[in-house]
N, C-alpha and C. Protein backbone atom coordinates (compact mmCIF):
# COMPACT_ATOMS: atom_id res chain seq x y z
N MET A 1 95.37 96.82 99.01
CA MET A 1 94.72 97.92 98.35
C MET A 1 93.21 97.76 98.52
N ILE A 2 92.54 98.84 98.74
CA ILE A 2 91.09 98.84 98.92
C ILE A 2 90.44 99.43 97.68
N ILE A 3 89.46 98.73 97.15
CA ILE A 3 88.68 99.22 96.02
C ILE A 3 87.24 99.36 96.49
N HIS A 4 86.74 100.58 96.49
CA HIS A 4 85.37 100.86 96.92
C HIS A 4 84.44 100.69 95.72
N CYS A 5 83.53 99.74 95.80
CA CYS A 5 82.59 99.45 94.71
C CYS A 5 81.23 100.04 95.05
N GLU A 6 80.58 100.62 94.05
CA GLU A 6 79.27 101.23 94.25
C GLU A 6 78.35 100.91 93.08
N GLY A 7 77.07 100.90 93.35
CA GLY A 7 76.08 100.73 92.28
C GLY A 7 75.91 99.28 91.89
N ARG A 8 75.95 99.04 90.58
CA ARG A 8 75.69 97.71 90.05
C ARG A 8 76.99 97.10 89.51
N ILE A 9 77.13 95.81 89.71
CA ILE A 9 78.20 95.06 89.06
C ILE A 9 77.48 94.02 88.22
N VAL A 10 77.17 94.42 87.00
CA VAL A 10 76.33 93.62 86.12
C VAL A 10 76.95 93.55 84.73
N TYR A 11 76.31 92.77 83.87
CA TYR A 11 76.77 92.52 82.51
C TYR A 11 77.20 93.80 81.80
N ARG A 12 78.30 93.70 81.11
CA ARG A 12 78.90 94.70 80.24
C ARG A 12 79.87 95.60 80.99
N ASP A 13 79.67 96.88 80.94
CA ASP A 13 80.68 97.83 81.38
C ASP A 13 81.05 97.71 82.86
N GLU A 14 80.06 97.54 83.71
CA GLU A 14 80.35 97.51 85.14
C GLU A 14 81.20 96.29 85.52
N ALA A 15 80.82 95.11 85.03
CA ALA A 15 81.57 93.90 85.35
C ALA A 15 82.98 93.97 84.75
N ALA A 16 83.09 94.47 83.52
CA ALA A 16 84.39 94.59 82.88
C ALA A 16 85.28 95.59 83.62
N ALA A 17 84.69 96.66 84.12
CA ALA A 17 85.46 97.65 84.87
C ALA A 17 86.02 97.05 86.16
N LEU A 18 85.22 96.25 86.83
CA LEU A 18 85.69 95.59 88.05
C LEU A 18 86.90 94.72 87.75
N SER A 19 86.80 93.92 86.72
CA SER A 19 87.89 93.03 86.34
C SER A 19 89.15 93.82 86.01
N ARG A 20 89.00 94.90 85.26
CA ARG A 20 90.15 95.72 84.87
C ARG A 20 90.82 96.35 86.09
N VAL A 21 90.03 96.92 86.98
CA VAL A 21 90.57 97.60 88.15
C VAL A 21 91.26 96.61 89.09
N VAL A 22 90.64 95.46 89.31
CA VAL A 22 91.26 94.46 90.19
C VAL A 22 92.56 93.96 89.56
N GLY A 23 92.55 93.72 88.26
CA GLY A 23 93.77 93.27 87.57
C GLY A 23 94.90 94.26 87.72
N GLU A 24 94.59 95.54 87.58
CA GLU A 24 95.61 96.59 87.74
C GLU A 24 96.11 96.64 89.19
N ALA A 25 95.20 96.50 90.13
CA ALA A 25 95.58 96.55 91.55
C ALA A 25 96.49 95.38 91.91
N LEU A 26 96.21 94.22 91.35
CA LEU A 26 97.02 93.04 91.66
C LEU A 26 98.45 93.15 91.13
N GLN A 27 98.68 94.05 90.21
CA GLN A 27 100.04 94.27 89.73
C GLN A 27 100.90 94.96 90.79
N ASP A 28 100.24 95.70 91.69
CA ASP A 28 100.96 96.53 92.65
C ASP A 28 100.86 96.08 94.10
N THR A 29 100.08 95.05 94.40
CA THR A 29 99.87 94.66 95.79
C THR A 29 99.60 93.17 95.89
N ARG A 30 99.74 92.64 97.10
CA ARG A 30 99.49 91.21 97.34
C ARG A 30 98.05 90.93 97.72
N GLU A 31 97.37 91.91 98.29
CA GLU A 31 95.99 91.72 98.73
C GLU A 31 95.12 92.88 98.26
N VAL A 32 93.93 92.52 97.82
CA VAL A 32 92.94 93.53 97.41
C VAL A 32 91.68 93.28 98.23
N ILE A 33 91.16 94.33 98.81
CA ILE A 33 89.85 94.25 99.47
C ILE A 33 88.85 94.98 98.58
N LEU A 34 87.79 94.26 98.21
CA LEU A 34 86.69 94.87 97.48
C LEU A 34 85.64 95.27 98.51
N ASP A 35 85.48 96.56 98.71
CA ASP A 35 84.48 97.08 99.64
C ASP A 35 83.14 97.13 98.92
N PHE A 36 82.27 96.18 99.24
CA PHE A 36 80.98 96.03 98.56
C PHE A 36 79.85 96.74 99.28
N GLU A 37 80.15 97.57 100.24
CA GLU A 37 79.09 98.23 101.02
C GLU A 37 78.12 98.99 100.13
N GLY A 38 78.60 99.60 99.05
CA GLY A 38 77.75 100.41 98.19
C GLY A 38 77.21 99.67 96.98
N VAL A 39 77.41 98.35 96.91
CA VAL A 39 76.93 97.58 95.76
C VAL A 39 75.46 97.25 95.93
N GLU A 40 74.65 97.69 94.98
CA GLU A 40 73.21 97.50 95.03
C GLU A 40 72.77 96.20 94.37
N SER A 41 73.46 95.80 93.29
CA SER A 41 73.09 94.57 92.61
C SER A 41 74.30 93.93 91.96
N LEU A 42 74.20 92.62 91.82
CA LEU A 42 75.27 91.80 91.28
C LEU A 42 74.60 90.70 90.47
N ASP A 43 75.03 90.50 89.23
CA ASP A 43 74.43 89.44 88.42
C ASP A 43 75.48 88.39 88.07
N SER A 44 75.12 87.47 87.19
CA SER A 44 76.03 86.37 86.85
C SER A 44 77.33 86.86 86.22
N ALA A 45 77.26 87.93 85.44
CA ALA A 45 78.48 88.47 84.84
C ALA A 45 79.39 89.04 85.93
N GLY A 46 78.80 89.71 86.91
CA GLY A 46 79.58 90.23 88.03
C GLY A 46 80.20 89.10 88.84
N LEU A 47 79.42 88.04 89.07
CA LEU A 47 79.95 86.88 89.77
C LEU A 47 81.10 86.25 88.99
N GLY A 48 80.93 86.17 87.68
CA GLY A 48 81.99 85.62 86.83
C GLY A 48 83.27 86.43 86.92
N GLU A 49 83.14 87.74 86.93
CA GLU A 49 84.32 88.60 87.05
C GLU A 49 84.98 88.44 88.41
N LEU A 50 84.18 88.25 89.45
CA LEU A 50 84.74 88.01 90.78
C LEU A 50 85.55 86.71 90.79
N VAL A 51 85.01 85.67 90.16
CA VAL A 51 85.72 84.40 90.10
C VAL A 51 87.02 84.55 89.31
N LEU A 52 86.98 85.26 88.20
CA LEU A 52 88.20 85.49 87.42
C LEU A 52 89.23 86.26 88.23
N ALA A 53 88.79 87.26 88.98
CA ALA A 53 89.71 88.03 89.82
C ALA A 53 90.34 87.13 90.88
N HIS A 54 89.52 86.28 91.48
CA HIS A 54 90.04 85.35 92.49
C HIS A 54 91.06 84.40 91.88
N MET A 55 90.75 83.83 90.73
CA MET A 55 91.65 82.89 90.08
C MET A 55 92.96 83.57 89.67
N SER A 56 92.86 84.78 89.16
CA SER A 56 94.05 85.54 88.79
C SER A 56 94.92 85.81 90.00
N ALA A 57 94.30 86.26 91.07
CA ALA A 57 95.05 86.54 92.31
C ALA A 57 95.70 85.28 92.85
N GLU A 58 94.93 84.22 92.92
CA GLU A 58 95.44 82.96 93.47
C GLU A 58 96.61 82.43 92.63
N GLY A 59 96.52 82.58 91.33
CA GLY A 59 97.59 82.14 90.44
C GLY A 59 98.89 82.91 90.65
N GLN A 60 98.78 84.11 91.21
CA GLN A 60 99.95 84.94 91.49
C GLN A 60 100.36 84.87 92.95
N GLY A 61 99.70 84.01 93.73
CA GLY A 61 99.98 83.93 95.15
C GLY A 61 99.46 85.13 95.92
N LYS A 62 98.39 85.74 95.41
CA LYS A 62 97.80 86.93 96.01
C LYS A 62 96.36 86.62 96.41
N SER A 63 95.66 87.61 97.00
CA SER A 63 94.28 87.34 97.43
C SER A 63 93.36 88.52 97.17
N VAL A 64 92.07 88.19 97.04
CA VAL A 64 91.01 89.17 96.91
C VAL A 64 90.01 88.87 98.02
N LYS A 65 89.71 89.87 98.85
CA LYS A 65 88.75 89.74 99.94
C LYS A 65 87.54 90.61 99.64
N LEU A 66 86.40 90.23 100.18
CA LEU A 66 85.18 91.02 100.02
C LEU A 66 84.72 91.49 101.39
N SER A 67 84.32 92.75 101.47
CA SER A 67 83.83 93.28 102.74
C SER A 67 82.54 94.05 102.54
N GLY A 68 81.73 94.06 103.60
CA GLY A 68 80.55 94.92 103.65
C GLY A 68 79.44 94.60 102.68
N ALA A 69 79.37 93.36 102.18
CA ALA A 69 78.32 93.02 101.22
C ALA A 69 76.94 93.16 101.87
N GLN A 70 76.02 93.79 101.14
CA GLN A 70 74.64 93.92 101.60
C GLN A 70 74.03 92.53 101.69
N PRO A 71 72.98 92.35 102.51
CA PRO A 71 72.39 91.02 102.70
C PRO A 71 72.02 90.30 101.41
N HIS A 72 71.44 90.99 100.43
CA HIS A 72 71.04 90.32 99.19
C HIS A 72 72.24 89.89 98.36
N VAL A 73 73.33 90.64 98.42
CA VAL A 73 74.56 90.26 97.71
C VAL A 73 75.22 89.09 98.43
N ARG A 74 75.26 89.16 99.74
CA ARG A 74 75.84 88.06 100.53
C ARG A 74 75.05 86.77 100.30
N GLU A 75 73.72 86.88 100.23
CA GLU A 75 72.89 85.70 99.97
C GLU A 75 73.21 85.09 98.61
N LEU A 76 73.41 85.92 97.61
CA LEU A 76 73.77 85.44 96.28
C LEU A 76 75.12 84.71 96.32
N LEU A 77 76.08 85.27 97.06
CA LEU A 77 77.38 84.61 97.19
C LEU A 77 77.24 83.26 97.90
N GLU A 78 76.34 83.18 98.85
CA GLU A 78 76.11 81.92 99.56
C GLU A 78 75.39 80.91 98.67
N LEU A 79 74.37 81.36 97.91
CA LEU A 79 73.63 80.46 97.02
C LEU A 79 74.51 79.87 95.93
N THR A 80 75.48 80.63 95.47
CA THR A 80 76.39 80.17 94.42
C THR A 80 77.63 79.49 94.99
N ASN A 81 77.68 79.36 96.30
CA ASN A 81 78.79 78.74 97.02
C ASN A 81 80.10 79.53 96.90
N LEU A 82 80.03 80.75 96.44
CA LEU A 82 81.22 81.59 96.36
C LEU A 82 81.64 82.10 97.73
N SER A 83 80.75 81.98 98.70
CA SER A 83 81.11 82.37 100.06
C SER A 83 82.19 81.45 100.62
N SER A 84 82.34 80.26 100.04
CA SER A 84 83.41 79.36 100.47
C SER A 84 84.71 79.61 99.71
N VAL A 85 84.64 80.40 98.64
CA VAL A 85 85.82 80.69 97.83
C VAL A 85 86.50 81.97 98.31
N PHE A 86 85.69 82.99 98.61
CA PHE A 86 86.21 84.29 99.02
C PHE A 86 86.26 84.41 100.54
N GLU A 87 87.21 85.21 101.00
CA GLU A 87 87.20 85.62 102.39
C GLU A 87 86.19 86.76 102.48
N LEU A 88 85.12 86.56 103.24
CA LEU A 88 84.06 87.56 103.38
C LEU A 88 84.13 88.16 104.78
N TYR A 89 84.02 89.48 104.84
CA TYR A 89 84.07 90.19 106.12
C TYR A 89 82.86 91.11 106.21
N PRO A 90 82.29 91.23 107.42
CA PRO A 90 81.10 92.07 107.58
C PRO A 90 81.36 93.55 107.33
N SER A 91 82.60 93.99 107.57
CA SER A 91 82.91 95.41 107.37
C SER A 91 84.32 95.56 106.81
N LEU A 92 84.57 96.72 106.26
CA LEU A 92 85.90 97.04 105.75
C LEU A 92 86.93 96.99 106.87
N GLU A 93 86.56 97.48 108.04
CA GLU A 93 87.47 97.49 109.18
C GLU A 93 87.89 96.07 109.55
N ASP A 94 86.95 95.13 109.52
CA ASP A 94 87.27 93.74 109.83
C ASP A 94 88.25 93.16 108.81
N ALA A 95 88.05 93.47 107.54
CA ALA A 95 88.94 92.96 106.50
C ALA A 95 90.33 93.55 106.63
N ILE A 96 90.41 94.83 106.97
CA ILE A 96 91.70 95.49 107.12
C ILE A 96 92.48 94.89 108.27
N GLU A 97 91.80 94.58 109.35
CA GLU A 97 92.46 94.02 110.53
C GLU A 97 93.16 92.70 110.23
N THR A 98 92.71 91.98 109.20
CA THR A 98 93.29 90.68 108.90
C THR A 98 94.41 90.74 107.87
N GLY A 99 94.71 91.92 107.34
CA GLY A 99 95.68 91.99 106.26
C GLY A 99 96.85 92.90 106.53
N ASP A 100 97.56 93.18 105.44
CA ASP A 100 98.72 94.07 105.46
C ASP A 100 98.25 95.52 105.49
N GLU A 101 99.20 96.41 105.35
CA GLU A 101 98.87 97.83 105.21
C GLU A 101 98.17 98.03 103.87
N PHE A 102 97.10 98.81 103.88
CA PHE A 102 96.33 99.05 102.65
C PHE A 102 96.35 100.52 102.29
N ALA A 103 96.42 100.75 100.99
CA ALA A 103 96.31 102.11 100.48
C ALA A 103 94.96 102.22 99.76
N PRO A 104 94.12 103.17 100.13
CA PRO A 104 92.79 103.28 99.48
C PRO A 104 92.92 103.56 97.99
N MET A 105 92.00 102.99 97.24
CA MET A 105 91.92 103.24 95.80
C MET A 105 90.47 103.47 95.48
N ILE A 106 90.18 104.45 94.67
CA ILE A 106 88.80 104.74 94.31
C ILE A 106 88.53 104.22 92.92
């Protein structure tokens, strides 16, 4: 399943929404791709929600992949060493090529 993320993934509503949507998606699929092409900013709360999503998926034998992260978001993932936890892809197309059939989700 593909989840297109846009704007900010920061403390409060945005980070909580990401966690909720990923949790719901993991109920119906084995792999989730978070398309980060439209993400402008990510803070510690957003990073925390990403880690929780990864742990939840891994605990169920599922996976969460990230694609299309802007350079500043990718740098943050590298600085926090989360780039070694997540499968990161330069584009959505690259992430899709490595997985199962995906159904888009907005």
